[in-house]
């Protein structure tokens, strides 16, 4: 039985910094106390579970496809994410996910730090994600990718400058 999404928002304050680490499959191997508090889960419920346990149904699949493709190529990702809490509520964050390596340059883990989403970024991202989801519901990610690329182009950006665009939205 899955969790039903609700309209209950759990605010992320300006001082909250959410940190988690994941293995090569995306399973949670570490999380800081604020992560557990916001998500509503205990350590026992979240550790060794996939990060996708928090995936909100309002999140377009194309965002996660971009995220994983970029990470697997060894590059950082900044993306706005709506996470679902254990009680069905949600919280918005700007996630900065990095690949951590060992001294010999082999993969160690993924490290994600997240801060609350700015109100100005939310006014842009929510309608975009709604449009991407609508496209995905009829045509899959093949239909949402051109919409995402057009959105970036309209903002003077591209998939290559995705991170900068997300950070700039957060800062305005």
N, C-alpha and C. Protein backbone atom coordinates (compact mmCIF):
# COMPACT_ATOMS: atom_id res chain seq x y z
N UNK A 1 0.85 -1.19 0.00
CA UNK A 1 0.00 0.00 0.00
C UNK A 1 0.89 1.24 0.00
N UNK A 2 0.70 2.11 -0.98
CA UNK A 2 1.50 3.31 -1.10
C UNK A 2 0.94 4.45 -0.29
N UNK A 3 1.73 5.48 -0.18
CA UNK A 3 1.32 6.69 0.53
C UNK A 3 0.54 7.57 -0.44
N UNK A 4 -0.54 8.14 0.04
CA UNK A 4 -1.34 9.05 -0.77
C UNK A 4 -0.86 10.48 -0.54
N UNK A 5 -0.58 11.17 -1.63
CA UNK A 5 -0.11 12.55 -1.54
C UNK A 5 -1.24 13.45 -1.04
N UNK A 6 -0.86 14.42 -0.20
CA UNK A 6 -1.80 15.41 0.31
C UNK A 6 -1.30 16.80 -0.07
N UNK A 7 -2.06 17.81 0.28
CA UNK A 7 -1.66 19.20 0.03
C UNK A 7 -0.99 19.83 1.24
N UNK A 8 -0.55 19.02 2.19
CA UNK A 8 0.08 19.53 3.41
C UNK A 8 1.56 19.78 3.13
N UNK A 9 1.94 21.06 3.23
CA UNK A 9 3.34 21.41 2.99
C UNK A 9 4.10 21.47 4.31
N UNK A 10 5.28 20.89 4.29
CA UNK A 10 6.19 20.95 5.43
C UNK A 10 7.27 21.97 5.07
N UNK A 11 7.27 23.11 5.74
CA UNK A 11 8.22 24.16 5.35
C UNK A 11 9.67 23.80 5.66
N UNK A 12 10.53 24.20 4.74
CA UNK A 12 11.98 24.08 4.94
C UNK A 12 12.44 25.50 5.25
N UNK A 13 13.00 25.70 6.44
CA UNK A 13 13.41 27.05 6.85
C UNK A 13 14.74 27.43 6.19
N UNK A 14 15.07 28.70 6.26
CA UNK A 14 16.31 29.20 5.65
C UNK A 14 17.56 28.58 6.26
N UNK A 15 17.48 28.11 7.51
CA UNK A 15 18.66 27.53 8.15
C UNK A 15 18.76 26.02 7.95
N UNK A 16 17.72 25.41 7.41
CA UNK A 16 17.74 23.96 7.20
C UNK A 16 18.66 23.59 6.04
N UNK A 17 19.59 22.70 6.30
CA UNK A 17 20.42 22.11 5.26
C UNK A 17 20.28 20.61 5.40
N UNK A 18 19.68 20.02 4.39
CA UNK A 18 19.41 18.59 4.38
C UNK A 18 20.57 17.90 3.68
N UNK A 19 21.11 16.86 4.30
CA UNK A 19 22.24 16.14 3.73
C UNK A 19 21.93 14.65 3.71
N UNK A 20 22.25 14.03 2.60
CA UNK A 20 22.17 12.57 2.53
C UNK A 20 23.27 12.08 1.61
N UNK A 21 23.59 10.81 1.78
CA UNK A 21 24.56 10.14 0.92
C UNK A 21 23.90 8.89 0.38
N UNK A 22 24.31 8.51 -0.82
CA UNK A 22 23.74 7.32 -1.43
C UNK A 22 24.79 6.51 -2.15
N UNK A 23 24.51 5.23 -2.28
CA UNK A 23 25.43 4.34 -2.99
C UNK A 23 25.18 4.45 -4.50
N UNK A 24 25.86 3.61 -5.26
CA UNK A 24 25.76 3.70 -6.72
C UNK A 24 24.37 3.40 -7.25
N UNK A 25 23.51 2.78 -6.46
CA UNK A 25 22.14 2.51 -6.87
C UNK A 25 21.17 3.59 -6.40
N UNK A 26 21.68 4.54 -5.61
CA UNK A 26 20.81 5.59 -5.09
C UNK A 26 20.19 5.27 -3.74
N UNK A 27 20.61 4.17 -3.12
CA UNK A 27 20.11 3.82 -1.79
C UNK A 27 20.73 4.74 -0.75
N UNK A 28 19.94 5.15 0.22
CA UNK A 28 20.39 6.08 1.26
C UNK A 28 21.32 5.34 2.22
N UNK A 29 22.54 5.85 2.37
CA UNK A 29 23.51 5.25 3.29
C UNK A 29 23.77 6.14 4.50
N UNK A 30 23.38 7.41 4.39
CA UNK A 30 23.55 8.37 5.49
C UNK A 30 22.54 9.48 5.28
N UNK A 31 22.04 10.01 6.37
CA UNK A 31 21.21 11.23 6.31
C UNK A 31 21.36 11.97 7.63
N UNK A 32 21.31 13.30 7.56
CA UNK A 32 21.42 14.07 8.79
C UNK A 32 20.05 14.19 9.47
N UNK A 33 20.02 14.62 10.73
CA UNK A 33 18.77 14.65 11.49
C UNK A 33 17.64 15.46 10.84
N UNK A 34 17.94 16.57 10.17
CA UNK A 34 16.88 17.37 9.56
C UNK A 34 16.20 16.60 8.43
N UNK A 35 16.96 15.74 7.76
CA UNK A 35 16.38 14.90 6.70
C UNK A 35 15.29 14.00 7.29
N UNK A 36 15.60 13.35 8.39
CA UNK A 36 14.61 12.47 9.04
C UNK A 36 13.42 13.27 9.55
N UNK A 37 13.70 14.43 10.15
CA UNK A 37 12.63 15.27 10.70
C UNK A 37 11.66 15.71 9.60
N UNK A 38 12.19 16.25 8.50
CA UNK A 38 11.33 16.73 7.42
C UNK A 38 10.57 15.60 6.73
N UNK A 39 11.24 14.49 6.52
CA UNK A 39 10.62 13.37 5.79
C UNK A 39 9.58 12.64 6.64
N UNK A 40 9.75 12.69 7.96
CA UNK A 40 8.83 11.97 8.84
C UNK A 40 9.20 10.51 9.03
N UNK A 41 10.29 10.09 8.43
CA UNK A 41 10.75 8.71 8.56
C UNK A 41 11.81 8.60 9.65
N UNK A 42 11.97 7.41 10.20
CA UNK A 42 13.04 7.13 11.14
C UNK A 42 14.27 6.65 10.36
N UNK A 43 15.40 6.59 11.04
CA UNK A 43 16.62 6.07 10.41
C UNK A 43 16.37 4.65 9.90
N UNK A 44 15.76 3.81 10.72
CA UNK A 44 15.53 2.42 10.34
C UNK A 44 14.65 2.31 9.09
N UNK A 45 13.74 3.26 8.92
CA UNK A 45 12.84 3.22 7.77
C UNK A 45 13.50 3.72 6.48
N UNK A 46 14.50 4.60 6.61
CA UNK A 46 15.09 5.21 5.41
C UNK A 46 16.43 4.65 4.99
N UNK A 47 17.28 4.32 5.95
CA UNK A 47 18.61 3.84 5.57
C UNK A 47 18.51 2.55 4.78
N UNK A 48 19.32 2.48 3.75
CA UNK A 48 19.38 1.36 2.80
C UNK A 48 18.14 1.29 1.90
N UNK A 49 17.31 2.32 1.93
CA UNK A 49 16.17 2.42 1.01
C UNK A 49 16.56 3.35 -0.15
N UNK A 50 15.95 3.18 -1.30
CA UNK A 50 16.26 4.09 -2.42
C UNK A 50 15.74 5.50 -2.13
N UNK A 51 16.49 6.51 -2.58
CA UNK A 51 16.04 7.90 -2.42
C UNK A 51 14.65 8.08 -3.03
N UNK A 52 14.31 7.26 -3.99
CA UNK A 52 13.01 7.38 -4.65
C UNK A 52 11.84 7.11 -3.71
N UNK A 53 12.10 6.62 -2.51
CA UNK A 53 11.04 6.44 -1.52
C UNK A 53 10.36 7.77 -1.24
N UNK A 54 11.08 8.87 -1.47
CA UNK A 54 10.55 10.22 -1.22
C UNK A 54 9.99 10.87 -2.48
N UNK A 55 10.00 10.18 -3.59
CA UNK A 55 9.58 10.79 -4.86
C UNK A 55 8.09 11.16 -4.82
N UNK A 56 7.83 12.42 -5.04
CA UNK A 56 6.45 12.92 -5.06
C UNK A 56 5.88 12.67 -6.45
N UNK A 57 4.59 12.31 -6.55
CA UNK A 57 4.00 12.07 -7.88
C UNK A 57 3.97 13.32 -8.77
N UNK A 58 4.19 14.51 -8.20
CA UNK A 58 4.24 15.74 -9.00
C UNK A 58 5.58 15.96 -9.68
N UNK A 59 6.53 15.06 -9.46
CA UNK A 59 7.87 15.21 -10.06
C UNK A 59 7.92 14.55 -11.43
N UNK A 60 8.30 15.33 -12.45
CA UNK A 60 8.43 14.75 -13.79
C UNK A 60 9.60 13.78 -13.86
N UNK A 61 9.41 12.69 -14.59
CA UNK A 61 10.46 11.68 -14.73
C UNK A 61 11.68 12.23 -15.46
N UNK A 62 11.46 13.18 -16.37
CA UNK A 62 12.58 13.71 -17.16
C UNK A 62 13.61 14.39 -16.26
N UNK A 63 13.20 14.96 -15.16
CA UNK A 63 14.15 15.61 -14.24
C UNK A 63 15.08 14.57 -13.64
N UNK A 64 14.54 13.42 -13.24
CA UNK A 64 15.38 12.38 -12.66
C UNK A 64 16.24 11.69 -13.72
N UNK A 65 15.71 11.58 -14.94
CA UNK A 65 16.53 11.02 -16.02
C UNK A 65 17.74 11.91 -16.25
N UNK A 66 17.51 13.23 -16.31
CA UNK A 66 18.62 14.17 -16.48
C UNK A 66 19.60 14.06 -15.30
N UNK A 67 19.06 14.02 -14.10
CA UNK A 67 19.88 13.94 -12.89
C UNK A 67 20.80 12.72 -12.93
N UNK A 68 20.24 11.55 -13.19
CA UNK A 68 21.05 10.33 -13.17
C UNK A 68 22.04 10.29 -14.33
N UNK A 69 21.63 10.74 -15.49
CA UNK A 69 22.54 10.75 -16.64
C UNK A 69 23.73 11.65 -16.35
N UNK A 70 23.47 12.80 -15.76
CA UNK A 70 24.54 13.76 -15.45
C UNK A 70 25.46 13.21 -14.37
N UNK A 71 24.88 12.65 -13.31
CA UNK A 71 25.70 12.07 -12.24
C UNK A 71 26.57 10.92 -12.75
N UNK A 72 25.98 10.06 -13.56
CA UNK A 72 26.72 8.91 -14.06
C UNK A 72 27.85 9.31 -15.01
N UNK A 73 27.79 10.54 -15.53
CA UNK A 73 28.91 11.03 -16.35
C UNK A 73 29.95 11.73 -15.47
N UNK A 74 29.71 11.74 -14.14
CA UNK A 74 30.69 12.30 -13.21
C UNK A 74 30.49 13.76 -12.86
N UNK A 75 29.39 14.34 -13.29
CA UNK A 75 29.14 15.76 -13.06
C UNK A 75 28.09 16.01 -11.99
N UNK A 76 28.20 17.17 -11.34
CA UNK A 76 27.24 17.59 -10.33
C UNK A 76 25.91 17.96 -10.98
N UNK A 77 24.86 17.93 -10.16
CA UNK A 77 23.53 18.34 -10.62
C UNK A 77 22.90 19.24 -9.57
N UNK A 78 22.24 20.30 -10.05
CA UNK A 78 21.39 21.12 -9.19
C UNK A 78 20.00 21.07 -9.81
N UNK A 79 19.03 20.65 -9.00
CA UNK A 79 17.67 20.53 -9.52
C UNK A 79 16.67 20.77 -8.39
N UNK A 80 15.55 21.35 -8.76
CA UNK A 80 14.46 21.53 -7.81
C UNK A 80 13.70 20.22 -7.70
N UNK A 81 13.44 19.82 -6.45
CA UNK A 81 12.78 18.54 -6.20
C UNK A 81 11.66 18.74 -5.18
N UNK A 82 10.52 18.16 -5.49
CA UNK A 82 9.40 18.11 -4.54
C UNK A 82 9.41 16.71 -3.96
N UNK A 83 9.70 16.61 -2.66
CA UNK A 83 9.74 15.33 -1.98
C UNK A 83 8.44 15.09 -1.23
N UNK A 84 8.06 13.82 -1.14
CA UNK A 84 6.88 13.45 -0.38
C UNK A 84 7.29 12.89 0.98
N UNK A 85 6.59 13.33 2.00
CA UNK A 85 6.88 12.89 3.36
C UNK A 85 6.08 11.62 3.70
N UNK A 86 6.44 11.01 4.80
CA UNK A 86 5.79 9.77 5.20
C UNK A 86 4.28 9.95 5.38
N UNK A 87 3.86 11.16 5.79
CA UNK A 87 2.42 11.39 6.00
C UNK A 87 1.70 11.86 4.72
N UNK A 88 2.40 11.83 3.58
CA UNK A 88 1.78 12.24 2.33
C UNK A 88 1.97 13.71 1.99
N UNK A 89 2.52 14.47 2.94
CA UNK A 89 2.79 15.88 2.70
C UNK A 89 3.99 16.04 1.77
N UNK A 90 4.47 17.26 1.66
CA UNK A 90 5.57 17.51 0.74
C UNK A 90 6.44 18.65 1.22
N UNK A 91 7.63 18.73 0.63
CA UNK A 91 8.50 19.90 0.80
C UNK A 91 9.32 20.06 -0.47
N UNK A 92 9.59 21.32 -0.81
CA UNK A 92 10.37 21.68 -2.00
C UNK A 92 11.80 22.04 -1.59
N UNK A 93 12.75 21.59 -2.39
CA UNK A 93 14.16 21.91 -2.15
C UNK A 93 14.90 22.13 -3.47
N UNK A 94 16.02 22.84 -3.36
CA UNK A 94 17.01 22.86 -4.43
C UNK A 94 18.08 21.86 -3.99
N UNK A 95 18.18 20.77 -4.74
CA UNK A 95 19.16 19.73 -4.41
C UNK A 95 20.43 19.95 -5.22
N UNK A 96 21.56 19.84 -4.54
CA UNK A 96 22.87 19.87 -5.20
C UNK A 96 23.49 18.49 -4.94
N UNK A 97 23.55 17.69 -5.99
CA UNK A 97 24.04 16.31 -5.86
C UNK A 97 25.40 16.22 -6.52
N UNK A 98 26.35 15.65 -5.77
CA UNK A 98 27.72 15.53 -6.25
C UNK A 98 28.18 14.07 -6.18
N UNK A 99 29.12 13.75 -7.04
CA UNK A 99 29.77 12.44 -7.01
C UNK A 99 31.02 12.58 -6.15
N UNK A 100 31.10 11.80 -5.08
CA UNK A 100 32.30 11.78 -4.24
C UNK A 100 33.16 10.59 -4.67
N UNK A 101 34.47 10.84 -4.72
CA UNK A 101 35.38 9.78 -5.14
C UNK A 101 36.41 9.50 -4.05
N UNK A 102 36.99 8.34 -4.14
CA UNK A 102 38.08 7.93 -3.26
C UNK A 102 39.37 8.56 -3.78
N UNK A 103 40.46 8.49 -2.97
CA UNK A 103 41.74 9.05 -3.44
C UNK A 103 42.20 8.49 -4.79
N UNK A 104 41.84 7.24 -5.10
CA UNK A 104 42.24 6.65 -6.38
C UNK A 104 41.26 7.00 -7.51
N UNK A 105 40.34 7.94 -7.22
CA UNK A 105 39.33 8.43 -8.18
C UNK A 105 38.19 7.45 -8.44
N UNK A 106 38.14 6.34 -7.70
CA UNK A 106 37.01 5.42 -7.85
C UNK A 106 35.79 6.00 -7.12
N UNK A 107 34.62 5.57 -7.52
CA UNK A 107 33.37 6.06 -6.94
C UNK A 107 33.29 5.72 -5.45
N UNK A 108 32.92 6.71 -4.63
CA UNK A 108 32.68 6.47 -3.21
C UNK A 108 31.18 6.50 -2.93
N UNK A 109 30.54 7.64 -3.27
CA UNK A 109 29.09 7.76 -3.05
C UNK A 109 28.59 9.04 -3.72
N UNK A 110 27.27 9.18 -3.67
CA UNK A 110 26.64 10.44 -4.08
C UNK A 110 26.34 11.21 -2.81
N UNK A 111 26.60 12.51 -2.83
CA UNK A 111 26.31 13.37 -1.68
C UNK A 111 25.34 14.44 -2.15
N UNK A 112 24.23 14.54 -1.44
CA UNK A 112 23.22 15.53 -1.79
C UNK A 112 23.01 16.49 -0.63
N UNK A 113 23.14 17.78 -0.93
CA UNK A 113 22.80 18.80 0.06
C UNK A 113 21.61 19.57 -0.52
N UNK A 114 20.64 19.85 0.34
CA UNK A 114 19.42 20.48 -0.13
C UNK A 114 19.04 21.63 0.78
N UNK A 115 18.59 22.71 0.15
CA UNK A 115 18.09 23.87 0.87
C UNK A 115 16.68 24.14 0.38
N UNK A 116 15.93 24.89 1.18
CA UNK A 116 14.57 25.23 0.79
C UNK A 116 14.54 26.00 -0.52
N UNK A 117 13.50 25.80 -1.28
CA UNK A 117 13.31 26.46 -2.56
C UNK A 117 12.83 27.89 -2.34
N UNK A 118 13.36 28.83 -3.11
CA UNK A 118 12.91 30.22 -2.99
C UNK A 118 11.51 30.36 -3.59
N UNK A 119 10.78 31.33 -3.08
CA UNK A 119 9.42 31.58 -3.58
C UNK A 119 9.43 31.95 -5.05
N UNK A 120 10.44 32.74 -5.47
CA UNK A 120 10.50 33.15 -6.88
C UNK A 120 10.76 31.95 -7.80
N UNK A 121 11.62 31.03 -7.37
CA UNK A 121 11.88 29.84 -8.18
C UNK A 121 10.63 28.98 -8.27
N UNK A 122 9.90 28.90 -7.19
CA UNK A 122 8.70 28.06 -7.17
C UNK A 122 7.65 28.54 -8.16
N UNK A 123 7.52 29.86 -8.32
CA UNK A 123 6.52 30.38 -9.25
C UNK A 123 6.85 30.00 -10.70
N UNK A 124 8.10 29.68 -10.97
CA UNK A 124 8.52 29.27 -12.31
C UNK A 124 8.50 27.75 -12.45
N UNK A 125 9.00 27.06 -11.45
CA UNK A 125 9.18 25.61 -11.53
C UNK A 125 7.87 24.84 -11.44
N UNK A 126 6.97 25.24 -10.56
CA UNK A 126 5.70 24.49 -10.43
C UNK A 126 4.94 24.40 -11.75
N UNK A 127 4.73 25.52 -12.46
CA UNK A 127 4.02 25.39 -13.74
C UNK A 127 4.81 24.57 -14.78
N UNK A 128 6.14 24.71 -14.77
CA UNK A 128 6.96 23.92 -15.69
C UNK A 128 6.79 22.43 -15.41
N UNK A 129 6.89 22.04 -14.15
CA UNK A 129 6.77 20.63 -13.80
C UNK A 129 5.37 20.10 -14.13
N UNK A 130 4.34 20.92 -13.95
CA UNK A 130 2.99 20.52 -14.32
C UNK A 130 2.91 20.26 -15.82
N UNK A 131 3.52 21.14 -16.60
CA UNK A 131 3.53 20.97 -18.06
C UNK A 131 4.32 19.71 -18.46
N UNK A 132 5.44 19.48 -17.81
CA UNK A 132 6.23 18.28 -18.10
C UNK A 132 5.46 17.01 -17.76
N UNK A 133 4.77 17.01 -16.62
CA UNK A 133 3.97 15.85 -16.22
C UNK A 133 2.84 15.57 -17.20
N UNK A 134 2.19 16.63 -17.64
CA UNK A 134 1.10 16.48 -18.61
C UNK A 134 1.63 15.84 -19.88
N UNK A 135 2.76 16.31 -20.35
CA UNK A 135 3.37 15.74 -21.56
C UNK A 135 3.74 14.28 -21.34
N UNK A 136 4.29 13.97 -20.17
CA UNK A 136 4.70 12.59 -19.87
C UNK A 136 3.50 11.66 -19.78
N UNK A 137 2.36 12.18 -19.34
CA UNK A 137 1.19 11.32 -19.18
C UNK A 137 0.66 10.82 -20.52
N UNK A 138 0.95 11.55 -21.59
CA UNK A 138 0.48 11.12 -22.91
C UNK A 138 1.59 10.62 -23.81
N UNK A 139 2.80 11.18 -23.65
CA UNK A 139 3.87 10.83 -24.58
C UNK A 139 5.17 10.40 -23.94
N UNK A 140 5.17 10.19 -22.62
CA UNK A 140 6.38 9.78 -21.94
C UNK A 140 7.45 10.86 -21.93
N UNK A 141 8.66 10.45 -21.55
CA UNK A 141 9.76 11.41 -21.47
C UNK A 141 10.15 11.96 -22.84
N UNK A 142 9.84 11.22 -23.89
CA UNK A 142 10.12 11.72 -25.23
C UNK A 142 9.32 13.00 -25.50
N UNK A 143 8.15 13.13 -24.86
CA UNK A 143 7.33 14.32 -25.04
C UNK A 143 7.74 15.45 -24.10
N UNK A 144 8.28 15.11 -22.94
CA UNK A 144 8.64 16.16 -21.98
C UNK A 144 10.02 16.77 -22.23
N UNK A 145 10.92 16.01 -22.82
CA UNK A 145 12.27 16.54 -23.06
C UNK A 145 12.26 17.80 -23.94
N UNK A 146 11.53 17.84 -25.05
CA UNK A 146 11.52 19.07 -25.86
C UNK A 146 10.94 20.27 -25.09
N UNK A 147 10.01 20.02 -24.20
CA UNK A 147 9.43 21.11 -23.39
C UNK A 147 10.49 21.65 -22.43
N UNK A 148 11.24 20.75 -21.80
CA UNK A 148 12.31 21.17 -20.89
C UNK A 148 13.38 21.93 -21.66
N UNK A 149 13.76 21.43 -22.82
CA UNK A 149 14.78 22.12 -23.62
C UNK A 149 14.30 23.49 -24.08
N UNK A 150 13.02 23.61 -24.45
CA UNK A 150 12.46 24.90 -24.87
C UNK A 150 12.41 25.88 -23.70
N UNK A 151 12.05 25.38 -22.52
CA UNK A 151 12.04 26.22 -21.32
C UNK A 151 13.44 26.78 -21.06
N UNK A 152 14.44 25.92 -21.13
CA UNK A 152 15.82 26.36 -20.90
C UNK A 152 16.25 27.36 -21.96
N UNK A 153 15.93 27.08 -23.22
CA UNK A 153 16.29 27.99 -24.32
C UNK A 153 15.64 29.35 -24.13
N UNK A 154 14.39 29.37 -23.68
CA UNK A 154 13.69 30.64 -23.45
C UNK A 154 14.32 31.44 -22.31
N UNK A 155 15.09 30.75 -21.47
CA UNK A 155 15.80 31.40 -20.37
C UNK A 155 17.28 31.57 -20.69
N UNK A 156 17.63 31.49 -21.97
CA UNK A 156 19.01 31.68 -22.40
C UNK A 156 19.94 30.58 -21.94
N UNK A 157 19.39 29.36 -21.80
CA UNK A 157 20.17 28.25 -21.26
C UNK A 157 19.98 27.01 -22.12
N UNK A 158 20.60 25.92 -21.67
CA UNK A 158 20.47 24.62 -22.32
C UNK A 158 20.69 23.55 -21.27
N UNK A 159 20.60 22.29 -21.66
CA UNK A 159 20.88 21.23 -20.69
C UNK A 159 22.31 21.34 -20.17
N UNK A 160 23.22 21.87 -21.00
CA UNK A 160 24.62 22.03 -20.58
C UNK A 160 24.76 23.08 -19.47
N UNK A 161 23.84 24.03 -19.41
CA UNK A 161 23.91 25.07 -18.37
C UNK A 161 22.75 24.96 -17.38
N UNK A 162 22.15 23.78 -17.30
CA UNK A 162 21.00 23.52 -16.43
C UNK A 162 21.28 23.94 -14.99
N UNK A 163 22.42 23.53 -14.45
CA UNK A 163 22.74 23.83 -13.05
C UNK A 163 22.77 25.33 -12.78
N UNK A 164 23.43 26.08 -13.65
CA UNK A 164 23.50 27.53 -13.48
C UNK A 164 22.11 28.15 -13.52
N UNK A 165 21.27 27.65 -14.43
CA UNK A 165 19.92 28.18 -14.55
C UNK A 165 19.12 27.93 -13.27
N UNK A 166 19.24 26.74 -12.71
CA UNK A 166 18.52 26.42 -11.48
C UNK A 166 19.01 27.31 -10.32
N UNK A 167 20.34 27.46 -10.23
CA UNK A 167 20.90 28.29 -9.16
C UNK A 167 20.47 29.75 -9.33
N UNK A 168 20.47 30.25 -10.55
CA UNK A 168 20.03 31.63 -10.80
C UNK A 168 18.56 31.82 -10.42
N UNK A 169 17.73 30.85 -10.72
CA UNK A 169 16.32 30.94 -10.32
C UNK A 169 16.18 31.00 -8.80
N UNK A 170 16.99 30.21 -8.13
CA UNK A 170 16.95 30.18 -6.66
C UNK A 170 17.34 31.53 -6.09
N UNK A 171 18.27 32.22 -6.74
CA UNK A 171 18.82 33.46 -6.20
C UNK A 171 18.01 34.70 -6.55
N UNK A 172 17.03 34.59 -7.46
CA UNK A 172 16.27 35.80 -7.83
C UNK A 172 15.02 35.96 -7.01
